[in-house]
Protein backbone atom coordinates (compact mmCIF):
# COMPACT_ATOMS: atom_id res chain seq x y z
CA UNK A 1 -157.17 158.86 1.00
CA UNK A 2 -156.25 155.58 -0.69
CA UNK A 3 -158.78 152.76 -0.74
CA UNK A 4 -158.59 149.12 -1.83
CA UNK A 5 -161.68 147.90 -3.67
CA UNK A 6 -161.96 144.10 -3.69
CA UNK A 7 -164.67 143.03 -6.13
CA UNK A 8 -164.77 140.28 -8.77
CA UNK A 9 -167.81 141.55 -10.69
CA UNK A 10 -166.44 143.83 -13.45
CA UNK A 11 -169.59 145.94 -13.81
CA UNK A 12 -169.93 146.57 -10.06
CA UNK A 13 -166.20 147.12 -9.65
CA UNK A 14 -166.00 149.67 -12.45
CA UNK A 15 -169.04 151.58 -11.18
CA UNK A 16 -167.75 151.74 -7.59
CA UNK A 17 -164.24 152.66 -8.72
CA UNK A 18 -165.62 155.54 -10.81
CA UNK A 19 -167.77 156.70 -7.90
CA UNK A 20 -164.88 156.73 -5.44
CA UNK A 21 -162.53 158.47 -7.85
CA UNK A 22 -165.17 161.12 -8.47
CA UNK A 23 -165.06 161.71 -4.69
CA UNK A 24 -161.27 162.25 -4.96
CA UNK A 25 -160.23 158.95 -3.40
CA UNK A 26 -157.25 157.10 -4.87
CA UNK A 27 -158.55 153.59 -5.63
CA UNK A 28 -156.81 150.29 -6.32
CA UNK A 29 -159.06 147.49 -7.56
CA UNK A 30 -158.27 143.84 -6.76
CA UNK A 31 -160.44 141.31 -8.58
CA UNK A 32 -159.72 138.18 -6.53
CA UNK A 33 -158.66 137.17 -3.03
CA UNK A 34 -155.04 136.47 -3.89
CA UNK A 35 -154.60 139.89 -5.49
CA UNK A 36 -156.25 141.53 -2.48
CA UNK A 37 -153.96 139.73 -0.05
CA UNK A 38 -150.88 140.74 -2.04
CA UNK A 39 -151.99 144.37 -2.18
CA UNK A 40 -152.63 144.49 1.56
CA UNK A 41 -149.20 143.04 2.31
CA UNK A 42 -147.36 145.52 0.09
CA UNK A 43 -149.31 148.80 0.24
CA UNK A 44 -150.85 150.74 3.16
CA UNK A 45 -154.50 151.67 2.71
CA UNK A 46 -156.86 153.96 4.58
CA UNK A 47 -159.81 151.58 4.04
CA UNK A 48 -160.74 148.31 2.33
CA UNK A 49 -164.11 147.70 0.67
CA UNK A 50 -164.22 143.90 0.68
CA UNK A 51 -166.60 141.58 -1.12
CA UNK A 52 -166.65 138.15 0.54
CA UNK A 53 -167.49 135.90 -2.39
CA UNK A 54 -164.22 136.03 -4.32
CA UNK A 55 -162.37 133.68 -6.68
CA UNK A 56 -159.02 132.10 -5.72
CA UNK A 57 -159.36 133.07 -2.07
CA UNK A 58 -162.44 133.79 0.01
CA UNK A 59 -162.88 137.30 1.35
CA UNK A 60 -163.16 136.02 4.91
CA UNK A 61 -159.74 134.38 4.59
CA UNK A 62 -158.29 137.69 3.37
CA UNK A 63 -159.90 139.47 6.33
CA UNK A 64 -158.75 136.94 8.92
CA UNK A 65 -155.16 137.03 7.63
CA UNK A 66 -155.21 140.84 7.73
CA UNK A 67 -156.25 140.83 11.39
CA UNK A 68 -153.82 138.02 12.26
CA UNK A 69 -151.04 140.36 11.09
CA UNK A 70 -152.39 142.95 13.57
CA UNK A 71 -153.26 145.23 10.66
CA UNK A 72 -155.94 147.67 11.83
CA UNK A 73 -156.92 149.01 8.41
CA UNK A 74 -160.70 149.67 8.46
CA UNK A 75 -162.62 147.03 6.51
CA UNK A 76 -166.10 147.60 5.10
CA UNK A 77 -167.59 144.24 4.11
CA UNK A 78 -170.05 144.05 1.22
CA UNK A 79 -172.75 141.36 1.39
CA UNK A 80 -176.10 140.53 -0.19
CA UNK A 81 -179.24 141.70 1.59
CA UNK A 82 -180.29 138.19 2.61
CA UNK A 83 -176.83 137.10 3.82
CA UNK A 84 -177.31 137.83 7.52
CA UNK A 85 -175.13 134.93 8.66
CA UNK A 86 -172.35 136.07 6.33
CA UNK A 87 -172.50 139.61 7.73
CA UNK A 88 -172.22 138.27 11.28
CA UNK A 89 -169.30 136.05 10.30
CA UNK A 90 -167.55 139.00 8.67
CA UNK A 91 -168.01 141.26 11.69
CA UNK A 92 -166.78 138.51 14.03
CA UNK A 93 -163.74 138.00 11.78
CA UNK A 94 -162.70 141.63 12.24
CA UNK A 95 -164.71 143.75 9.81
CA UNK A 96 -165.56 147.23 11.08
CA UNK A 97 -168.89 147.62 9.30
CA UNK A 98 -170.88 146.21 6.42
CA UNK A 99 -172.80 147.58 3.45
CA UNK A 100 -175.52 145.81 1.51
CA UNK A 101 -175.41 144.91 -2.17
CA UNK A 102 -176.71 146.17 -4.49
CA UNK A 103 -175.21 149.38 -3.18
CA UNK A 104 -177.04 152.51 -2.26
CA UNK A 105 -174.22 154.78 -3.35
CA UNK A 106 -174.96 157.60 -0.90
CA UNK A 107 -174.98 155.11 1.98
CA UNK A 108 -171.73 153.56 0.76
CA UNK A 109 -169.99 156.94 0.77
CA UNK A 110 -171.41 157.82 4.19
CA UNK A 111 -170.16 154.55 5.71
CA UNK A 112 -166.72 155.09 4.21
CA UNK A 113 -166.55 158.61 5.68
CA UNK A 114 -167.68 157.31 9.09
CA UNK A 115 -165.00 154.60 9.16
CA UNK A 116 -162.30 157.05 8.10
CA UNK A 117 -163.35 159.41 10.91
CA UNK A 118 -163.26 156.57 13.42
CA UNK A 119 -159.82 155.45 12.23
CA UNK A 120 -158.54 159.00 12.74
CA UNK A 121 -159.94 159.02 16.29
CA UNK A 122 -162.57 161.63 15.52
CA UNK A 123 -166.31 161.50 16.05
CA UNK A 124 -167.33 164.90 14.71
CA UNK A 125 -168.25 165.02 11.00
CA UNK A 126 -166.67 168.45 10.42
CA UNK A 127 -162.97 169.10 11.05
CA UNK A 128 -162.09 172.51 12.46
CA UNK A 129 -158.52 173.64 13.01
CA UNK A 130 -156.88 177.04 13.20
CA UNK A 131 -159.87 178.78 11.69
CA UNK A 132 -160.15 176.27 8.85
CA UNK A 133 -163.27 174.09 8.65
CA UNK A 134 -163.62 171.16 6.26
CA UNK A 135 -166.67 168.97 5.74
CA UNK A 136 -165.79 165.62 4.11
CA UNK A 137 -169.45 164.90 3.30
CA UNK A 138 -169.91 168.06 1.21
CA UNK A 139 -166.27 168.89 0.40
CA UNK A 140 -166.95 172.41 1.72
CA UNK A 141 -163.98 174.36 3.07
CA UNK A 142 -164.09 177.69 4.88
CA UNK A 143 -161.41 179.93 6.33
CA UNK A 144 -162.84 181.90 9.25
CA UNK A 145 -166.27 181.53 7.70
CA UNK A 146 -165.28 182.45 4.14
CA UNK A 147 -165.80 179.67 1.56
CA UNK A 148 -162.68 178.48 -0.27
CA UNK A 149 -162.62 176.26 -3.36
CA UNK A 150 -159.98 173.49 -3.42
CA UNK A 151 -159.08 171.28 -6.35
CA UNK A 152 -159.59 167.55 -5.95
CA UNK A 153 -155.85 166.95 -5.51
CA UNK A 154 -155.52 169.78 -2.96
CA UNK A 155 -158.36 168.21 -1.02
CA UNK A 156 -156.67 164.80 -1.15
CA UNK A 157 -153.51 166.27 0.39
CA UNK A 158 -155.30 168.34 3.04
CA UNK A 159 -157.74 165.75 4.37
CA UNK A 160 -155.25 163.20 5.81
CA UNK A 161 -153.14 165.98 7.32
CA UNK A 162 -155.96 167.86 9.03
CA UNK A 163 -157.60 164.62 10.17
CA UNK A 164 -154.54 163.87 12.34
CA UNK A 165 -153.02 167.15 13.58
CA UNK A 166 -149.45 166.76 14.73
CA UNK A 167 -148.73 163.65 12.64
CA UNK A 168 -146.01 164.04 10.02
CA UNK A 169 -146.72 162.49 6.62
CA UNK A 170 -143.85 162.08 4.18
CA UNK A 171 -144.08 163.06 0.54
CA UNK A 172 -144.27 159.36 -0.34
CA UNK A 173 -147.15 158.82 2.09
CA UNK A 174 -149.06 161.74 0.59
CA UNK A 175 -148.36 160.50 -2.94
CA UNK A 176 -149.78 157.12 -1.90
CA UNK A 177 -153.01 158.88 -0.94
CA UNK A 178 -153.11 160.80 -4.23
CA UNK A 179 -152.48 158.06 -6.77
CA UNK A 180 -153.77 154.55 -7.41
CA UNK A 181 -152.34 151.79 -9.58
CA UNK A 182 -151.49 152.98 -13.06
CA UNK A 183 -151.74 156.71 -12.28
CA UNK A 184 -148.89 158.87 -13.50
CA UNK A 185 -147.08 160.46 -10.55
CA UNK A 186 -145.52 163.89 -11.04
CA UNK A 187 -142.21 164.28 -9.22
CA UNK A 188 -143.18 167.55 -7.51
CA UNK A 189 -146.95 167.03 -7.24
CA UNK A 190 -147.13 167.16 -3.44
CA UNK A 191 -145.10 170.37 -3.27
CA UNK A 192 -147.39 172.00 -5.86
CA UNK A 193 -150.56 171.08 -3.97
CA UNK A 194 -149.13 172.15 -0.61
CA UNK A 195 -148.19 175.50 -2.16
CA UNK A 196 -151.77 175.86 -3.39
CA UNK A 197 -153.16 175.04 0.05
CA UNK A 198 -150.93 177.64 1.71
CA UNK A 199 -152.06 180.33 -0.72
CA UNK A 200 -155.74 179.53 -0.12
CA UNK A 201 -155.78 178.58 3.56
CA UNK A 202 -152.85 180.51 5.02
CA UNK A 203 -149.12 179.80 5.29
CA UNK A 204 -149.26 178.39 8.83
CA UNK A 205 -151.75 175.56 8.31
CA UNK A 206 -149.56 173.02 6.49
CA UNK A 207 -145.97 173.11 7.74
CA UNK A 208 -142.86 171.50 6.31
CA UNK A 209 -140.74 169.33 8.60
CA UNK A 210 -137.39 169.60 6.87
CA UNK A 211 -136.22 166.30 5.46
CA UNK A 212 -139.25 164.43 6.83
CA UNK A 213 -142.55 165.65 5.38
CA UNK A 214 -145.56 167.78 6.21
CA UNK A 215 -147.94 168.27 9.11
CA UNK A 216 -150.85 170.32 10.39
CA UNK A 217 -149.87 171.58 13.86
CA UNK A 218 -151.96 170.48 16.84
CA UNK A 219 -152.42 174.02 18.13
């Protein structure tokens, strides 16, 4: 999954970016409102973590413009503990949830997982499909009850596919979920990780749609 972190404080931004990357999210970091708006107009994201007090352009303006464009990307607004009015304003402007600063990191990750589930149209915290069970909170994967260990990149390819069975994702779309700004992209990375998933989880879980991309079948 690819996330946009919008945060002007370098210490907070670096800490959150490191945390999210350790959880195998691809993360782009925008340090002001103008950069955030440009990123959102040019790159699809699975979720935005948006600070409201930004230089150059206020976070609320970025949020309102996003919703004016009918962009439904989940937005998690970050506010100070005493900024109740700001939280209300953010939610009314189209934010999906909020998290308090300074962050409780476990809560931050839980709220991100919850919003990603909601965006995929799922309520259950564990995905089960064709005998494969994955738990985004613990990164545990089992095949018919037997634990399987996936690499971080294999997980990053599997999660968006199994979250939306039947939806085809192109190689470019999967690469976008694997790599953030500045990451080196291998030309055959997706094929390598899909091959690894098939060896570990079975050849029928991730299918190739010739000339289009990959999918996890609905049934």
